C-alpha atoms as a PDB file:
ATOM      1  CA  UNK A   1    -100.285 238.770 130.756  1.00  0.00           C
ATOM      2  CA  UNK A   2     -96.690 237.724 131.322  1.00  0.00           C
ATOM      3  CA  UNK A   3     -95.349 236.484 134.685  1.00  0.00           C
ATOM      4  CA  UNK A   4     -93.227 239.672 134.994  1.00  0.00           C
ATOM      5  CA  UNK A   5     -96.332 241.830 134.620  1.00  0.00           C
ATOM      6  CA  UNK A   6     -97.900 240.227 137.687  1.00  0.00           C
ATOM      7  CA  UNK A   7     -95.057 241.264 139.954  1.00  0.00           C
ATOM      8  CA  UNK A   8     -93.275 239.323 142.720  1.00  0.00           C
ATOM      9  CA  UNK A   9     -96.082 239.695 145.253  1.00  0.00           C
ATOM     10  CA  UNK A  10     -98.646 238.635 142.689  1.00  0.00           C
ATOM     11  CA  UNK A  11     -96.621 235.566 141.802  1.00  0.00           C
ATOM     12  CA  UNK A  12     -96.356 234.580 145.455  1.00  0.00           C
ATOM     13  CA  UNK A  13    -100.111 235.029 145.814  1.00  0.00           C
ATOM     14  CA  UNK A  14    -100.870 232.866 142.791  1.00  0.00           C
ATOM     15  CA  UNK A  15     -98.416 230.215 143.976  1.00  0.00           C
ATOM     16  CA  UNK A  16     -99.944 230.208 147.451  1.00  0.00           C
ATOM     17  CA  UNK A  17    -103.455 229.845 146.070  1.00  0.00           C
ATOM     18  CA  UNK A  18    -102.373 226.937 143.868  1.00  0.00           C
ATOM     19  CA  UNK A  19    -100.699 225.225 146.830  1.00  0.00           C
ATOM     20  CA  UNK A  20    -103.830 225.600 148.964  1.00  0.00           C
ATOM     21  CA  UNK A  21    -106.034 224.214 146.194  1.00  0.00           C
ATOM     22  CA  UNK A  22    -103.814 221.264 145.270  1.00  0.00           C
ATOM     23  CA  UNK A  23    -102.575 220.238 148.733  1.00  0.00           C
ATOM     24  CA  UNK A  24    -105.770 218.307 149.669  1.00  0.00           C
ATOM     25  CA  UNK A  25    -105.627 216.400 146.380  1.00  0.00           C
ATOM     26  CA  UNK A  26    -101.961 215.504 146.861  1.00  0.00           C
ATOM     27  CA  UNK A  27    -102.639 214.404 150.444  1.00  0.00           C
ATOM     28  CA  UNK A  28    -105.551 212.201 149.352  1.00  0.00           C
ATOM     29  CA  UNK A  29    -103.527 210.479 146.634  1.00  0.00           C
ATOM     30  CA  UNK A  30    -100.624 210.070 149.033  1.00  0.00           C
ATOM     31  CA  UNK A  31    -102.963 208.418 151.535  1.00  0.00           C
ATOM     32  CA  UNK A  32    -104.338 206.172 148.783  1.00  0.00           C
ATOM     33  CA  UNK A  33    -100.837 205.029 147.848  1.00  0.00           C
ATOM     34  CA  UNK A  34     -99.902 204.365 151.477  1.00  0.00           C
ATOM     35  CA  UNK A  35    -103.157 202.531 152.168  1.00  0.00           C
ATOM     36  CA  UNK A  36    -102.596 200.256 149.183  1.00  0.00           C
ATOM     37  CA  UNK A  37     -99.578 198.771 150.996  1.00  0.00           C
ATOM     38  CA  UNK A  38    -101.157 198.690 154.468  1.00  0.00           C
ATOM     39  CA  UNK A  39    -102.300 195.642 156.426  1.00  0.00           C
ATOM     40  CA  UNK A  40    -105.313 197.355 158.010  1.00  0.00           C
ATOM     41  CA  UNK A  41    -107.057 200.708 157.687  1.00  0.00           C
ATOM     42  CA  UNK A  42    -108.623 202.037 160.893  1.00  0.00           C
ATOM     43  CA  UNK A  43    -110.513 205.185 160.125  1.00  0.00           C
ATOM     44  CA  UNK A  44    -108.062 207.248 158.122  1.00  0.00           C
ATOM     45  CA  UNK A  45    -104.949 205.675 159.623  1.00  0.00           C
ATOM     46  CA  UNK A  46    -103.236 202.821 157.693  1.00  0.00           C
ATOM     47  CA  UNK A  47    -101.276 200.272 159.767  1.00  0.00           C
ATOM     48  CA  UNK A  48     -98.459 197.935 158.717  1.00  0.00           C
ATOM     49  CA  UNK A  49     -96.970 197.173 155.341  1.00  0.00           C
ATOM     50  CA  UNK A  50     -97.896 194.314 153.011  1.00  0.00           C
ATOM     51  CA  UNK A  51     -98.031 193.370 149.334  1.00  0.00           C
ATOM     52  CA  UNK A  52    -101.126 191.210 149.843  1.00  0.00           C
ATOM     53  CA  UNK A  53    -103.402 194.034 148.675  1.00  0.00           C
ATOM     54  CA  UNK A  54    -101.766 193.760 145.241  1.00  0.00           C
ATOM     55  CA  UNK A  55    -102.589 190.076 144.864  1.00  0.00           C
ATOM     56  CA  UNK A  56    -104.927 190.893 141.981  1.00  0.00           C
ATOM     57  CA  UNK A  57    -101.777 191.172 139.832  1.00  0.00           C
ATOM     58  CA  UNK A  58    -101.206 187.414 140.075  1.00  0.00           C
ATOM     59  CA  UNK A  59    -104.528 186.054 141.361  1.00  0.00           C
ATOM     60  CA  UNK A  60    -108.158 186.241 140.351  1.00  0.00           C
ATOM     61  CA  UNK A  61    -110.390 188.451 142.455  1.00  0.00           C
ATOM     62  CA  UNK A  62    -113.624 187.517 144.258  1.00  0.00           C
ATOM     63  CA  UNK A  63    -116.298 186.181 141.876  1.00  0.00           C
ATOM     64  CA  UNK A  64    -113.458 185.038 139.564  1.00  0.00           C
ATOM     65  CA  UNK A  65    -112.910 188.556 138.271  1.00  0.00           C
ATOM     66  CA  UNK A  66    -109.595 189.222 136.555  1.00  0.00           C
ATOM     67  CA  UNK A  67    -107.976 192.655 136.862  1.00  0.00           C
ATOM     68  CA  UNK A  68    -105.817 192.170 133.758  1.00  0.00           C
ATOM     69  CA  UNK A  69    -108.852 191.299 131.614  1.00  0.00           C
ATOM     70  CA  UNK A  70    -110.655 194.382 132.937  1.00  0.00           C
ATOM     71  CA  UNK A  71    -107.566 196.515 132.252  1.00  0.00           C
ATOM     72  CA  UNK A  72    -107.403 195.143 128.711  1.00  0.00           C
ATOM     73  CA  UNK A  73    -111.070 195.976 128.175  1.00  0.00           C
ATOM     74  CA  UNK A  74    -110.524 199.513 129.510  1.00  0.00           C
ATOM     75  CA  UNK A  75    -107.494 200.022 127.280  1.00  0.00           C
ATOM     76  CA  UNK A  76    -109.294 198.680 124.193  1.00  0.00           C
ATOM     77  CA  UNK A  77    -112.285 200.881 124.943  1.00  0.00           C
ATOM     78  CA  UNK A  78    -110.231 204.042 125.514  1.00  0.00           C
ATOM     79  CA  UNK A  79    -107.898 203.617 122.521  1.00  0.00           C
ATOM     80  CA  UNK A  80    -110.713 202.761 120.098  1.00  0.00           C
ATOM     81  CA  UNK A  81    -112.810 205.695 121.272  1.00  0.00           C
ATOM     82  CA  UNK A  82    -109.841 208.064 120.883  1.00  0.00           C
ATOM     83  CA  UNK A  83    -108.972 206.862 117.365  1.00  0.00           C
ATOM     84  CA  UNK A  84    -112.499 207.059 115.986  1.00  0.00           C
ATOM     85  CA  UNK A  85    -113.368 210.316 117.735  1.00  0.00           C
ATOM     86  CA  UNK A  86    -110.361 211.975 116.113  1.00  0.00           C
ATOM     87  CA  UNK A  87    -110.930 210.406 112.686  1.00  0.00           C
ATOM     88  CA  UNK A  88    -114.672 211.009 112.393  1.00  0.00           C
ATOM     89  CA  UNK A  89    -114.552 214.308 114.256  1.00  0.00           C
ATOM     90  CA  UNK A  90    -111.774 215.660 112.029  1.00  0.00           C
ATOM     91  CA  UNK A  91    -113.744 214.864 108.866  1.00  0.00           C
ATOM     92  CA  UNK A  92    -116.970 216.399 110.175  1.00  0.00           C
ATOM     93  CA  UNK A  93    -115.175 219.444 111.609  1.00  0.00           C
ATOM     94  CA  UNK A  94    -113.381 220.116 108.310  1.00  0.00           C
ATOM     95  CA  UNK A  95    -116.663 219.998 106.402  1.00  0.00           C
ATOM     96  CA  UNK A  96    -118.344 222.368 108.854  1.00  0.00           C
ATOM     97  CA  UNK A  97    -115.390 224.747 108.852  1.00  0.00           C
ATOM     98  CA  UNK A  98    -114.608 224.901 105.128  1.00  0.00           C
ATOM     99  CA  UNK A  99    -117.669 223.842 103.148  1.00  0.00           C
ATOM    100  CA  UNK A 100    -120.958 225.640 102.560  1.00  0.00           C
ATOM    101  CA  UNK A 101    -124.057 223.454 102.273  1.00  0.00           C
ATOM    102  CA  UNK A 102    -127.792 223.718 103.064  1.00  0.00           C
ATOM    103  CA  UNK A 103    -128.547 223.272 106.754  1.00  0.00           C
ATOM    104  CA  UNK A 104    -124.975 223.941 107.875  1.00  0.00           C
ATOM    105  CA  UNK A 105    -126.010 226.416 110.579  1.00  0.00           C
ATOM    106  CA  UNK A 106    -128.754 224.116 111.846  1.00  0.00           C
ATOM    107  CA  UNK A 107    -126.328 221.210 111.997  1.00  0.00           C
ATOM    108  CA  UNK A 108    -123.803 223.288 113.942  1.00  0.00           C
ATOM    109  CA  UNK A 109    -126.427 224.262 116.470  1.00  0.00           C
ATOM    110  CA  UNK A 110    -127.844 220.762 116.799  1.00  0.00           C
ATOM    111  CA  UNK A 111    -124.451 219.207 117.524  1.00  0.00           C
ATOM    112  CA  UNK A 112    -123.921 221.276 120.649  1.00  0.00           C
ATOM    113  CA  UNK A 113    -127.546 220.747 121.723  1.00  0.00           C
ATOM    114  CA  UNK A 114    -127.089 216.980 121.415  1.00  0.00           C
ATOM    115  CA  UNK A 115    -124.031 217.148 123.654  1.00  0.00           C
ATOM    116  CA  UNK A 116    -126.053 218.933 126.340  1.00  0.00           C
ATOM    117  CA  UNK A 117    -128.316 215.897 126.871  1.00  0.00           C
ATOM    118  CA  UNK A 118    -127.244 213.921 129.979  1.00  0.00           C
ATOM    119  CA  UNK A 119    -126.369 210.384 128.907  1.00  0.00           C
ATOM    120  CA  UNK A 120    -128.326 208.911 131.820  1.00  0.00           C
ATOM    121  CA  UNK A 121    -131.580 210.162 130.283  1.00  0.00           C
ATOM    122  CA  UNK A 122    -130.892 208.108 127.143  1.00  0.00           C
ATOM    123  CA  UNK A 123    -129.951 204.817 128.806  1.00  0.00           C
ATOM    124  CA  UNK A 124    -133.268 203.061 128.250  1.00  0.00           C
ATOM    125  CA  UNK A 125    -133.357 204.009 124.572  1.00  0.00           C
ATOM    126  CA  UNK A 126    -129.702 203.027 124.168  1.00  0.00           C
ATOM    127  CA  UNK A 127    -130.344 199.677 125.839  1.00  0.00           C
ATOM    128  CA  UNK A 128    -133.276 198.901 123.523  1.00  0.00           C
ATOM    129  CA  UNK A 129    -131.333 199.925 120.398  1.00  0.00           C
ATOM    130  CA  UNK A 130    -128.256 197.884 121.304  1.00  0.00           C
ATOM    131  CA  UNK A 131    -130.350 194.835 122.131  1.00  0.00           C
ATOM    132  CA  UNK A 132    -132.205 195.125 118.802  1.00  0.00           C
ATOM    133  CA  UNK A 133    -128.872 195.354 116.958  1.00  0.00           C
ATOM    134  CA  UNK A 134    -127.328 192.456 118.862  1.00  0.00           C
ATOM    135  CA  UNK A 135    -124.708 194.747 120.396  1.00  0.00           C
ATOM    136  CA  UNK A 136    -125.855 194.621 124.031  1.00  0.00           C
ATOM    137  CA  UNK A 137    -123.139 193.319 126.365  1.00  0.00           C
ATOM    138  CA  UNK A 138    -120.563 193.789 123.617  1.00  0.00           C
ATOM    139  CA  UNK A 139    -117.636 196.184 123.859  1.00  0.00           C
ATOM    140  CA  UNK A 140    -118.210 197.327 120.267  1.00  0.00           C
ATOM    141  CA  UNK A 141    -121.730 198.456 121.138  1.00  0.00           C
ATOM    142  CA  UNK A 142    -120.597 200.547 124.102  1.00  0.00           C
ATOM    143  CA  UNK A 143    -117.823 202.083 121.984  1.00  0.00           C
ATOM    144  CA  UNK A 144    -120.404 203.187 119.420  1.00  0.00           C
ATOM    145  CA  UNK A 145    -122.548 204.728 122.151  1.00  0.00           C
ATOM    146  CA  UNK A 146    -119.583 206.577 123.645  1.00  0.00           C
ATOM    147  CA  UNK A 147    -118.639 207.908 120.209  1.00  0.00           C
ATOM    148  CA  UNK A 148    -122.168 209.104 119.544  1.00  0.00           C
ATOM    149  CA  UNK A 149    -122.331 210.943 122.872  1.00  0.00           C
ATOM    150  CA  UNK A 150    -118.857 212.526 122.692  1.00  0.00           C
ATOM    151  CA  UNK A 151    -118.553 213.395 119.003  1.00  0.00           C
ATOM    152  CA  UNK A 152    -120.692 216.584 119.091  1.00  0.00           C
ATOM    153  CA  UNK A 153    -118.291 218.296 121.475  1.00  0.00           C
ATOM    154  CA  UNK A 154    -115.300 216.844 119.640  1.00  0.00           C
ATOM    155  CA  UNK A 155    -116.549 218.259 116.339  1.00  0.00           C
ATOM    156  CA  UNK A 156    -116.906 221.709 117.862  1.00  0.00           C
ATOM    157  CA  UNK A 157    -113.409 221.601 119.354  1.00  0.00           C
ATOM    158  CA  UNK A 158    -111.775 220.434 116.128  1.00  0.00           C
ATOM    159  CA  UNK A 159    -113.733 222.918 114.060  1.00  0.00           C
ATOM    160  CA  UNK A 160    -111.903 225.605 116.012  1.00  0.00           C
ATOM    161  CA  UNK A 161    -108.583 224.101 114.934  1.00  0.00           C
ATOM    162  CA  UNK A 162    -109.586 224.169 111.258  1.00  0.00           C
ATOM    163  CA  UNK A 163    -110.949 227.718 111.599  1.00  0.00           C
ATOM    164  CA  UNK A 164    -107.471 228.799 112.711  1.00  0.00           C
ATOM    165  CA  UNK A 165    -105.830 227.695 109.451  1.00  0.00           C
ATOM    166  CA  UNK A 166    -105.571 230.592 106.939  1.00  0.00           C
ATOM    167  CA  UNK A 167    -107.682 230.186 103.818  1.00  0.00           C
ATOM    168  CA  UNK A 168    -104.683 231.069 101.648  1.00  0.00           C
ATOM    169  CA  UNK A 169    -103.001 227.773 102.529  1.00  0.00           C
ATOM    170  CA  UNK A 170    -105.987 225.738 101.434  1.00  0.00           C
ATOM    171  CA  UNK A 171    -106.614 227.815  98.314  1.00  0.00           C
ATOM    172  CA  UNK A 172    -103.013 227.372  97.201  1.00  0.00           C
ATOM    173  CA  UNK A 173    -103.367 223.591  97.494  1.00  0.00           C
ATOM    174  CA  UNK A 174    -106.644 223.614  95.529  1.00  0.00           C
ATOM    175  CA  UNK A 175    -105.070 225.749  92.800  1.00  0.00           C
ATOM    176  CA  UNK A 176    -102.243 223.189  92.575  1.00  0.00           C
ATOM    177  CA  UNK A 177    -104.844 220.545  91.710  1.00  0.00           C
ATOM    178  CA  UNK A 178    -105.426 218.908  95.091  1.00  0.00           C
ATOM    179  CA  UNK A 179    -108.857 217.404  95.686  1.00  0.00           C
ATOM    180  CA  UNK A 180    -110.762 218.237  98.855  1.00  0.00           C
ATOM    181  CA  UNK A 181    -109.958 214.899 100.450  1.00  0.00           C
ATOM    182  CA  UNK A 182    -106.274 215.329  99.587  1.00  0.00           C
ATOM    183  CA  UNK A 183    -106.263 218.865 100.996  1.00  0.00           C
ATOM    184  CA  UNK A 184    -107.780 217.512 104.213  1.00  0.00           C
ATOM    185  CA  UNK A 185    -105.259 214.681 104.490  1.00  0.00           C
ATOM    186  CA  UNK A 186    -102.066 216.247 103.123  1.00  0.00           C
ATOM    187  CA  UNK A 187    -102.424 219.901 104.099  1.00  0.00           C
ATOM    188  CA  UNK A 188    -104.961 220.489 106.881  1.00  0.00           C
ATOM    189  CA  UNK A 189    -104.299 217.571 109.187  1.00  0.00           C
ATOM    190  CA  UNK A 190    -100.520 218.175 109.363  1.00  0.00           C
ATOM    191  CA  UNK A 191    -101.162 221.829 110.198  1.00  0.00           C
ATOM    192  CA  UNK A 192    -103.444 221.011 113.135  1.00  0.00           C
ATOM    193  CA  UNK A 193    -101.512 217.905 114.239  1.00  0.00           C
ATOM    194  CA  UNK A 194    -100.759 219.242 117.750  1.00  0.00           C
ATOM    195  CA  UNK A 195    -104.451 219.953 118.262  1.00  0.00           C
ATOM    196  CA  UNK A 196    -105.450 216.516 117.016  1.00  0.00           C
ATOM    197  CA  UNK A 197    -102.930 214.925 119.335  1.00  0.00           C
ATOM    198  CA  UNK A 198    -104.281 216.950 122.253  1.00  0.00           C
ATOM    199  CA  UNK A 199    -107.854 215.949 121.500  1.00  0.00           C
ATOM    200  CA  UNK A 200    -106.842 212.285 121.131  1.00  0.00           C
ATOM    201  CA  UNK A 201    -105.368 212.397 124.640  1.00  0.00           C
ATOM    202  CA  UNK A 202    -108.504 214.048 125.960  1.00  0.00           C
ATOM    203  CA  UNK A 203    -110.679 211.384 124.299  1.00  0.00           C
ATOM    204  CA  UNK A 204    -108.474 208.570 125.634  1.00  0.00           C
ATOM    205  CA  UNK A 205    -108.726 209.860 129.208  1.00  0.00           C
ATOM    206  CA  UNK A 206    -112.486 210.249 128.832  1.00  0.00           C
ATOM    207  CA  UNK A 207    -112.806 206.650 127.634  1.00  0.00           C
ATOM    208  CA  UNK A 208    -110.468 205.314 130.333  1.00  0.00           C
ATOM    209  CA  UNK A 209    -112.512 207.031 133.065  1.00  0.00           C
ATOM    210  CA  UNK A 210    -115.935 206.077 131.685  1.00  0.00           C
ATOM    211  CA  UNK A 211    -118.093 204.238 134.216  1.00  0.00           C
ATOM    212  CA  UNK A 212    -121.815 204.618 133.564  1.00  0.00           C
ATOM    213  CA  UNK A 213    -122.007 203.130 130.058  1.00  0.00           C
ATOM    214  CA  UNK A 214    -119.911 199.995 130.767  1.00  0.00           C
ATOM    215  CA  UNK A 215    -121.701 199.527 134.095  1.00  0.00           C
ATOM    216  CA  UNK A 216    -125.135 199.470 132.481  1.00  0.00           C
ATOM    217  CA  UNK A 217    -124.402 198.000 129.061  1.00  0.00           C
ATOM    218  CA  UNK A 218    -121.658 195.432 129.824  1.00  0.00           C
ATOM    219  CA  UNK A 219    -123.079 193.166 132.560  1.00  0.00           C
ATOM    220  CA  UNK A 220    -120.936 190.116 131.762  1.00  0.00           C
ATOM    221  CA  UNK A 221    -117.861 189.639 133.895  1.00  0.00           C
ATOM    222  CA  UNK A 222    -115.591 189.072 130.900  1.00  0.00           C
ATOM    223  CA  UNK A 223    -116.636 192.456 129.483  1.00  0.00           C
ATOM    224  CA  UNK A 224    -116.019 194.461 132.662  1.00  0.00           C
ATOM    225  CA  UNK A 225    -113.793 197.509 132.612  1.00  0.00           C
ATOM    226  CA  UNK A 226    -111.629 198.553 135.560  1.00  0.00           C
ATOM    227  CA  UNK A 227    -114.088 201.215 136.683  1.00  0.00           C
ATOM    228  CA  UNK A 228    -116.912 198.661 136.869  1.00  0.00           C
ATOM    229  CA  UNK A 229    -114.676 196.125 138.611  1.00  0.00           C
ATOM    230  CA  UNK A 230    -113.797 198.683 141.279  1.00  0.00           C
ATOM    231  CA  UNK A 231    -117.455 199.487 141.847  1.00  0.00           C
ATOM    232  CA  UNK A 232    -118.285 195.802 142.279  1.00  0.00           C
ATOM    233  CA  UNK A 233    -115.508 195.337 144.871  1.00  0.00           C
ATOM    234  CA  UNK A 234    -116.466 198.370 146.937  1.00  0.00           C
ATOM    235  CA  UNK A 235    -120.245 198.058 146.595  1.00  0.00           C
ATOM    236  CA  UNK A 236    -120.822 196.027 149.752  1.00  0.00           C
ATOM    237  CA  UNK A 237    -119.579 198.325 152.494  1.00  0.00           C
ATOM    238  CA  UNK A 238    -119.560 195.708 155.267  1.00  0.00           C
ATOM    239  CA  UNK A 239    -117.658 193.112 153.265  1.00  0.00           C
ATOM    240  CA  UNK A 240    -115.379 195.318 151.147  1.00  0.00           C
ATOM    241  CA  UNK A 241    -111.644 194.632 151.341  1.00  0.00           C
ATOM    242  CA  UNK A 242    -110.473 198.224 151.507  1.00  0.00           C
ATOM    243  CA  UNK A 243    -106.810 197.314 151.170  1.00  0.00           C
ATOM    244  CA  UNK A 244    -107.581 195.550 147.907  1.00  0.00           C
ATOM    245  CA  UNK A 245    -109.807 198.411 146.741  1.00  0.00           C
ATOM    246  CA  UNK A 246    -107.114 201.033 147.405  1.00  0.00           C
ATOM    247  CA  UNK A 247    -104.462 198.973 145.607  1.00  0.00           C
ATOM    248  CA  UNK A 248    -106.754 198.485 142.611  1.00  0.00           C
ATOM    249  CA  UNK A 249    -107.487 202.228 142.688  1.00  0.00           C
ATOM    250  CA  UNK A 250    -103.779 203.018 142.407  1.00  0.00           C
ATOM    251  CA  UNK A 251    -103.471 200.473 139.585  1.00  0.00           C
ATOM    252  CA  UNK A 252    -106.420 202.123 137.831  1.00  0.00           C
ATOM    253  CA  UNK A 253    -105.179 205.707 138.048  1.00  0.00           C
ATOM    254  CA  UNK A 254    -101.522 205.062 137.185  1.00  0.00           C
ATOM    255  CA  UNK A 255    -102.027 204.916 133.372  1.00  0.00           C
ATOM    256  CA  UNK A 256    -104.119 208.102 133.410  1.00  0.00           C
ATOM    257  CA  UNK A 257    -101.545 209.911 135.574  1.00  0.00           C
ATOM    258  CA  UNK A 258     -98.723 208.736 133.310  1.00  0.00           C
ATOM    259  CA  UNK A 259    -100.525 209.861 130.151  1.00  0.00           C
ATOM    260  CA  UNK A 260    -101.342 213.240 131.649  1.00  0.00           C
ATOM    261  CA  UNK A 261     -97.823 213.777 133.002  1.00  0.00           C
ATOM    262  CA  UNK A 262     -96.257 213.012 129.622  1.00  0.00           C
ATOM    263  CA  UNK A 263     -98.715 214.959 127.485  1.00  0.00           C
ATOM    264  CA  UNK A 264    -100.085 217.840 129.585  1.00  0.00           C
ATOM    265  CA  UNK A 265     -98.451 220.462 127.327  1.00  0.00           C
ATOM    266  CA  UNK A 266    -100.432 219.088 124.388  1.00  0.00           C
ATOM    267  CA  UNK A 267    -103.710 219.138 126.335  1.00  0.00           C
ATOM    268  CA  UNK A 268    -103.373 222.900 126.736  1.00  0.00           C
ATOM    269  CA  UNK A 269    -103.687 223.229 122.948  1.00  0.00           C
ATOM    270  CA  UNK A 270    -107.362 222.294 123.183  1.00  0.00           C
ATOM    271  CA  UNK A 271    -107.937 225.733 124.679  1.00  0.00           C
ATOM    272  CA  UNK A 272    -105.277 227.675 122.767  1.00  0.00           C
ATOM    273  CA  UNK A 273    -105.732 226.168 119.293  1.00  0.00           C
ATOM    274  CA  UNK A 274    -103.871 223.460 117.464  1.00  0.00           C
ATOM    275  CA  UNK A 275    -102.240 225.135 114.471  1.00  0.00           C
ATOM    276  CA  UNK A 276     -98.500 224.997 114.107  1.00  0.00           C
ATOM    277  CA  UNK A 277     -96.712 228.250 114.686  1.00  0.00           C
END
């Protein structure tokens, strides 16, 4: 349905509904930004202006925590997860979309079933496996766990991209002597590039926002991510420095907001398909 088909009154109604739904979110983030520069916070009212809440940019935090180290860990975690989710997911999705092999239907069904398992129910098993492999309290181990939990959904999403590519394009490349791997790399991936880019952004944001896995599987301070660092600073309600917590919250959400603002048009391709027009 086009905007003209809705009519002027319908457009005003949709706009009004969107304003009502988004206004509380905008107000909350506005309060968070204001509170991050406030001297004190009494109830919901910030008082005064100061830069002291942002001291984590040039000083270590309580318990010798370092916000820049945590930010580096979060960035490494998110980027690595995004790269490998796209790479492995694209290979698996292409095979499921274009190849016929025994057990294909069962594998397709099992991937979505695996994604339905809540990760919290697997934490004990994950902990034991990582400890046996020597990967407990290592960023590489948590990255592998995140990939294993997120790949089933990623494979399903990317399979939809490959399903949208006409068979004639692939057949023409095979007739010209391309191997399957070359067809995947030279023909299919360029055709679904917008979709791959969209899914990479989605995977990056998922990794950047991850809390449970790093919290449980990365206990060392040097391995902390920003989400875990924030939880540790706000855990003790009576002793929490709320000015510091709000400033660190703004610092934490800024990269995600920037990525989303710059790439939101690509994220929509996850739902509309990723084949070039």
